[in-house]
Every structure is written in C-alpha cells, then in structure tokens.
PDB file of N, CA and C in Angstrom:
ATOM      1  N   MET A   1      75.666  98.346 115.248  1.00  0.00           N
ATOM      2  CA  MET A   1      77.132  98.808 116.264  1.00  0.00           C
ATOM      3  C   MET A   1      76.247  99.660 117.345  1.00  0.00           C
ATOM      4  N   ALA A   2      76.975  99.181 118.314  1.00  0.00           N
ATOM      5  CA  ALA A   2      76.566 100.024 119.464  1.00  0.00           C
ATOM      6  C   ALA A   2      77.549 101.029 119.639  1.00  0.00           C
ATOM      7  N   THR A   3      76.704 101.956 120.372  1.00  0.00           N
ATOM      8  CA  THR A   3      77.649 103.417 120.966  1.00  0.00           C
ATOM      9  C   THR A   3      77.892 103.222 122.231  1.00  0.00           C
ATOM     10  N   GLU A   4      79.145 103.928 122.645  1.00  0.00           N
ATOM     11  CA  GLU A   4      79.489 104.083 123.750  1.00  0.00           C
ATOM     12  C   GLU A   4      78.958 105.151 124.656  1.00  0.00           C
ATOM     13  N   SER A   5      78.634 105.410 125.713  1.00  0.00           N
ATOM     14  CA  SER A   5      78.283 106.578 126.576  1.00  0.00           C
ATOM     15  C   SER A   5      78.875 106.889 127.570  1.00  0.00           C
ATOM     16  N   ALA A   6      79.092 108.359 127.854  1.00  0.00           N
ATOM     17  CA  ALA A   6      79.907 108.715 129.035  1.00  0.00           C
ATOM     18  C   ALA A   6      78.939 108.341 130.345  1.00  0.00           C
ATOM     19  N   PRO A   7      79.474 108.411 131.365  1.00  0.00           N
ATOM     20  CA  PRO A   7      78.487 108.588 132.388  1.00  0.00           C
ATOM     21  C   PRO A   7      77.385 109.429 133.039  1.00  0.00           C
ATOM     22  N   ASP A   8      77.894 110.817 131.963  1.00  0.00           N
ATOM     23  CA  ASP A   8      76.340 111.946 132.071  1.00  0.00           C
ATOM     24  C   ASP A   8      75.556 111.597 130.940  1.00  0.00           C
ATOM     25  N   GLY A   9      75.869 110.578 130.040  1.00  0.00           N
ATOM     26  CA  GLY A   9      74.991 110.285 129.190  1.00  0.00           C
ATOM     27  C   GLY A   9      75.240 110.769 127.419  1.00  0.00           C
ATOM     28  N   THR A  10      76.672 111.518 127.458  1.00  0.00           N
ATOM     29  CA  THR A  10      77.154 111.942 126.213  1.00  0.00           C
ATOM     30  C   THR A  10      77.567 110.714 125.493  1.00  0.00           C
ATOM     31  N   SER A  11      77.401 111.147 124.203  1.00  0.00           N
ATOM     32  CA  SER A  11      78.075 109.908 123.351  1.00  0.00           C
ATOM     33  C   SER A  11      79.891 110.253 123.022  1.00  0.00           C
ATOM     34  N   LEU A  12      80.541 109.241 123.258  1.00  0.00           N
ATOM     35  CA  LEU A  12      81.987 109.351 123.193  1.00  0.00           C
ATOM     36  C   LEU A  12      82.495 109.001 121.885  1.00  0.00           C
ATOM     37  N   LEU A  13      82.073 108.797 121.153  1.00  0.00           N
ATOM     38  CA  LEU A  13      82.077 108.659 119.515  1.00  0.00           C
ATOM     39  C   LEU A  13      81.696 109.982 118.800  1.00  0.00           C
ATOM     40  N   GLU A  14      82.604 110.204 117.744  1.00  0.00           N
ATOM     41  CA  GLU A  14      82.137 111.552 116.977  1.00  0.00           C
ATOM     42  C   GLU A  14      81.512 111.320 115.848  1.00  0.00           C
ATOM     43  N   GLU A  15      80.591 111.783 115.465  1.00  0.00           N
ATOM     44  CA  GLU A  15      79.857 111.270 114.441  1.00  0.00           C
ATOM     45  C   GLU A  15      80.105 112.065 113.459  1.00  0.00           C
ATOM     46  N   VAL A  16      80.474 111.400 112.279  1.00  0.00           N
ATOM     47  CA  VAL A  16      80.716 112.368 111.160  1.00  0.00           C
ATOM     48  C   VAL A  16      80.225 112.036 109.770  1.00  0.00           C
ATOM     49  N   PRO A  17      79.767 113.088 108.924  1.00  0.00           N
ATOM     50  CA  PRO A  17      78.962 112.731 108.005  1.00  0.00           C
ATOM     51  C   PRO A  17      79.204 112.233 106.983  1.00  0.00           C
ATOM     52  N   SER A  18      78.641 111.762 105.991  1.00  0.00           N
ATOM     53  CA  SER A  18      79.390 110.529 105.147  1.00  0.00           C
ATOM     54  C   SER A  18      80.188 111.424 104.168  1.00  0.00           C
ATOM     55  N   ASP A  19      79.776 113.104 103.589  1.00  0.00           N
ATOM     56  CA  ASP A  19      80.309 113.532 102.726  1.00  0.00           C
ATOM     57  C   ASP A  19      81.691 114.111 103.393  1.00  0.00           C
ATOM     58  N   GLU A  20      82.087 114.057 104.442  1.00  0.00           N
ATOM     59  CA  GLU A  20      83.180 114.038 105.083  1.00  0.00           C
ATOM     60  C   GLU A  20      84.038 112.969 104.986  1.00  0.00           C
ATOM     61  N   LEU A  21      83.868 111.801 104.929  1.00  0.00           N
ATOM     62  CA  LEU A  21      84.762 110.705 105.288  1.00  0.00           C
ATOM     63  C   LEU A  21      86.065 110.634 104.182  1.00  0.00           C
ATOM     64  N   ASN A  22      85.983 111.296 103.346  1.00  0.00           N
ATOM     65  CA  ASN A  22      87.204 111.436 102.240  1.00  0.00           C
ATOM     66  C   ASN A  22      88.078 112.354 102.667  1.00  0.00           C
ATOM     67  N   ALA A  23      87.305 113.449 103.445  1.00  0.00           N
ATOM     68  CA  ALA A  23      88.234 114.682 103.510  1.00  0.00           C
ATOM     69  C   ALA A  23      89.685 114.422 104.106  1.00  0.00           C
ATOM     70  N   TRP A  24      90.669 115.332 103.559  1.00  0.00           N
ATOM     71  CA  TRP A  24      91.933 114.863 104.182  1.00  0.00           C
ATOM     72  C   TRP A  24      92.308 115.816 105.307  1.00  0.00           C
ATOM     73  N   ARG A  25      92.092 115.325 106.460  1.00  0.00           N
ATOM     74  CA  ARG A  25      92.276 116.440 107.834  1.00  0.00           C
ATOM     75  C   ARG A  25      93.503 115.998 108.331  1.00  0.00           C
ATOM     76  N   ARG A  26      93.934 116.785 108.889  1.00  0.00           N
ATOM     77  CA  ARG A  26      95.417 116.562 109.899  1.00  0.00           C
ATOM     78  C   ARG A  26      94.679 116.266 111.556  1.00  0.00           C
ATOM     79  N   GLY A  27      95.786 115.880 112.124  1.00  0.00           N
ATOM     80  CA  GLY A  27      95.494 115.538 113.217  1.00  0.00           C
ATOM     81  C   GLY A  27      94.946 114.395 113.114  1.00  0.00           C
ATOM     82  N   ILE A  28      94.597 113.885 114.715  1.00  0.00           N
ATOM     83  CA  ILE A  28      93.976 113.015 115.259  1.00  0.00           C
ATOM     84  C   ILE A  28      92.470 112.794 115.062  1.00  0.00           C
ATOM     85  N   THR A  29      91.873 112.342 113.771  1.00  0.00           N
ATOM     86  CA  THR A  29      90.263 112.819 113.257  1.00  0.00           C
ATOM     87  C   THR A  29      90.076 111.414 113.049  1.00  0.00           C
ATOM     88  N   PRO A  30      88.690 111.263 112.773  1.00  0.00           N
ATOM     89  CA  PRO A  30      88.219 110.199 112.041  1.00  0.00           C
ATOM     90  C   PRO A  30      88.652 109.805 110.641  1.00  0.00           C
ATOM     91  N   GLN A  31      89.074 111.266 110.289  1.00  0.00           N
ATOM     92  CA  GLN A  31      89.282 110.807 108.100  1.00  0.00           C
ATOM     93  C   GLN A  31      90.441 110.677 108.384  1.00  0.00           C
ATOM     94  N   ALA A  32      91.425 110.841 109.433  1.00  0.00           N
ATOM     95  CA  ALA A  32      92.915 110.812 109.234  1.00  0.00           C
ATOM     96  C   ALA A  32      93.065 109.411 109.621  1.00  0.00           C
ATOM     97  N   GLU A  33      92.098 108.361 110.513  1.00  0.00           N
ATOM     98  CA  GLU A  33      92.485 107.131 110.530  1.00  0.00           C
ATOM     99  C   GLU A  33      91.784 106.600 109.729  1.00  0.00           C
ATOM    100  N   ILE A  34      90.767 106.849 108.617  1.00  0.00           N
ATOM    101  CA  ILE A  34      90.193 106.310 107.799  1.00  0.00           C
ATOM    102  C   ILE A  34      91.702 106.250 106.567  1.00  0.00           C
ATOM    103  N   TRP A  35      92.237 107.405 105.972  1.00  0.00           N
ATOM    104  CA  TRP A  35      93.354 107.411 105.058  1.00  0.00           C
ATOM    105  C   TRP A  35      94.449 106.621 106.000  1.00  0.00           C
ATOM    106  N   ASN A  36      94.686 106.531 106.820  1.00  0.00           N
ATOM    107  CA  ASN A  36      95.866 105.872 107.591  1.00  0.00           C
ATOM    108  C   ASN A  36      95.384 104.325 107.157  1.00  0.00           C
ATOM    109  N   GLY A  37      94.300 103.786 107.598  1.00  0.00           N
ATOM    110  CA  GLY A  37      93.700 102.466 107.203  1.00  0.00           C
ATOM    111  C   GLY A  37      93.962 102.126 105.574  1.00  0.00           C
ATOM    112  N   ARG A  38      93.514 102.913 104.687  1.00  0.00           N
ATOM    113  CA  ARG A  38      93.464 102.830 103.171  1.00  0.00           C
ATOM    114  C   ARG A  38      94.752 102.558 102.925  1.00  0.00           C
ATOM    115  N   LEU A  39      95.715 103.465 103.542  1.00  0.00           N
ATOM    116  CA  LEU A  39      97.327 103.583 102.734  1.00  0.00           C
ATOM    117  C   LEU A  39      97.921 102.504 103.379  1.00  0.00           C
ATOM    118  N   ALA A  40      97.613 102.109 104.842  1.00  0.00           N
ATOM    119  CA  ALA A  40      98.451 101.077 105.170  1.00  0.00           C
ATOM    120  C   ALA A  40      97.896  99.480 104.197  1.00  0.00           C
ATOM    121  N   MET A  41      96.964  99.486 103.856  1.00  0.00           N
ATOM    122  CA  MET A  41      96.462  98.210 103.211  1.00  0.00           C
ATOM    123  C   MET A  41      97.022  98.297 101.787  1.00  0.00           C
ATOM    124  N   LEU A  42      96.993  99.548 101.163  1.00  0.00           N
ATOM    125  CA  LEU A  42      97.846  99.780  99.646  1.00  0.00           C
ATOM    126  C   LEU A  42      99.273  99.660  99.827  1.00  0.00           C
ATOM    127  N   GLY A  43     100.004 100.019 101.086  1.00  0.00           N
ATOM    128  CA  GLY A  43     101.285  99.454 101.149  1.00  0.00           C
ATOM    129  C   GLY A  43     101.754  97.835 101.485  1.00  0.00           C
ATOM    130  N   LEU A  44     100.338  97.189 101.781  1.00  0.00           N
ATOM    131  CA  LEU A  44     100.649  95.726 102.471  1.00  0.00           C
ATOM    132  C   LEU A  44     100.414  95.425 101.094  1.00  0.00           C
ATOM    133  N   SER A  45      99.551  95.779 100.212  1.00  0.00           N
ATOM    134  CA  SER A  45      99.065  94.951  98.785  1.00  0.00           C
ATOM    135  C   SER A  45     100.504  94.914  97.923  1.00  0.00           C
ATOM    136  N   VAL A  46     101.050  96.267  97.887  1.00  0.00           N
ATOM    137  CA  VAL A  46     102.334  96.757  96.938  1.00  0.00           C
ATOM    138  C   VAL A  46     103.208  96.027  97.228  1.00  0.00           C
ATOM    139  N   ALA A  47     103.578  95.463  98.826  1.00  0.00           N
ATOM    140  CA  ALA A  47     104.845  94.749  99.402  1.00  0.00           C
ATOM    141  C   ALA A  47     104.544  93.387  98.914  1.00  0.00           C
ATOM    142  N   LEU A  48     103.020  92.769  99.158  1.00  0.00           N
ATOM    143  CA  LEU A  48     102.865  91.485  98.873  1.00  0.00           C
ATOM    144  C   LEU A  48     103.102  90.918  97.303  1.00  0.00           C
ATOM    145  N   VAL A  49     102.923  92.020  96.439  1.00  0.00           N
ATOM    146  CA  VAL A  49     103.028  91.830  95.154  1.00  0.00           C
ATOM    147  C   VAL A  49     104.409  91.504  94.542  1.00  0.00           C
ATOM    148  N   VAL A  50     105.217  92.512  95.247  1.00  0.00           N
ATOM    149  CA  VAL A  50     106.638  92.660  94.982  1.00  0.00           C
ATOM    150  C   VAL A  50     107.300  91.483  95.642  1.00  0.00           C
ATOM    151  N   LEU A  51     106.758  90.730  96.537  1.00  0.00           N
ATOM    152  CA  LEU A  51     107.463  89.555  97.261  1.00  0.00           C
ATOM    153  C   LEU A  51     106.951  88.292  96.178  1.00  0.00           C
ATOM    154  N   LEU A  52     105.696  88.679  95.710  1.00  0.00           N
ATOM    155  CA  LEU A  52     105.408  87.594  94.745  1.00  0.00           C
ATOM    156  C   LEU A  52     105.999  87.413  93.452  1.00  0.00           C
ATOM    157  N   ILE A  53     106.439  88.650  92.841  1.00  0.00           N
ATOM    158  CA  ILE A  53     107.026  88.782  91.692  1.00  0.00           C
ATOM    159  C   ILE A  53     108.724  88.357  91.624  1.00  0.00           C
ATOM    160  N   VAL A  54     109.420  88.860  93.065  1.00  0.00           N
ATOM    161  CA  VAL A  54     110.741  88.721  93.411  1.00  0.00           C
ATOM    162  C   VAL A  54     111.123  87.026  93.288  1.00  0.00           C
ATOM    163  N   ARG A  55     109.700  86.195  94.064  1.00  0.00           N
ATOM    164  CA  ARG A  55     110.042  84.744  94.098  1.00  0.00           C
ATOM    165  C   ARG A  55     109.738  84.239  93.098  1.00  0.00           C
ATOM    166  N   LEU A  56     108.827  84.625  92.183  1.00  0.00           N
ATOM    167  CA  LEU A  56     108.788  83.958  90.746  1.00  0.00           C
ATOM    168  C   LEU A  56     109.395  83.994  89.945  1.00  0.00           C
ATOM    169  N   PHE A  57     110.610  85.180  89.830  1.00  0.00           N
ATOM    170  CA  PHE A  57     111.720  85.194  88.813  1.00  0.00           C
ATOM    171  C   PHE A  57     112.783  85.036  89.463  1.00  0.00           C
ATOM    172  N   SER A  58     112.722  84.635  90.889  1.00  0.00           N
ATOM    173  CA  SER A  58     114.302  83.949  91.410  1.00  0.00           C
ATOM    174  C   SER A  58     114.140  82.664  91.637  1.00  0.00           C
ATOM    175  N   SER A  59     113.009  81.926  91.310  1.00  0.00           N
ATOM    176  CA  SER A  59     112.860  80.518  91.578  1.00  0.00           C
ATOM    177  C   SER A  59     113.040  79.939  90.145  1.00  0.00           C
ATOM    178  N   GLY A  60     112.708  80.588  89.261  1.00  0.00           N
ATOM    179  CA  GLY A  60     113.114  80.001  87.852  1.00  0.00           C
ATOM    180  C   GLY A  60     114.853  80.149  87.480  1.00  0.00           C
ATOM    181  N   PHE A  61     115.469  80.964  88.261  1.00  0.00           N
ATOM    182  CA  PHE A  61     117.258  80.914  88.113  1.00  0.00           C
ATOM    183  C   PHE A  61     117.757  79.854  88.909  1.00  0.00           C
ATOM    184  N   SER A  62     117.182  79.508  89.801  1.00  0.00           N
ATOM    185  CA  SER A  62     118.148  78.430  90.857  1.00  0.00           C
ATOM    186  C   SER A  62     118.070  77.050  89.924  1.00  0.00           C
TER     187      SER A  62
END
C-alpha cells in the first residue's frame, strides 16, 4: 500500500499500532472507522439472513 505524503514530506496517514486496532475510541479515529465497518457488515449479514428466512417461510404458504 502506498502512503500519501504532504508537500512538506510529512505523512497524511496516521499510523496505528496493531494492539490498538480493537480499542473503542470516540471521534473520527481509525479505530472508530474499523468498528463502523465491522458493525455495518454485521447489520448487513443479519438483514440478509432475516430476508432469507422470511422468503423461505412465506413461499411455502402461497
């Protein structure tokens, strides 16, 4: 992965130690973005499972 740098040579990306990736941090932080992605995938998975169950049970009664 290529890192982006500002015109003065400093890095624009914040480095996060691997032991802090699962930390629950408030605000706009890399940890918050990781948890946001995890919870979004969990919600999407639950929604798809519920939709599948509803379709399976509703198709048997029509």
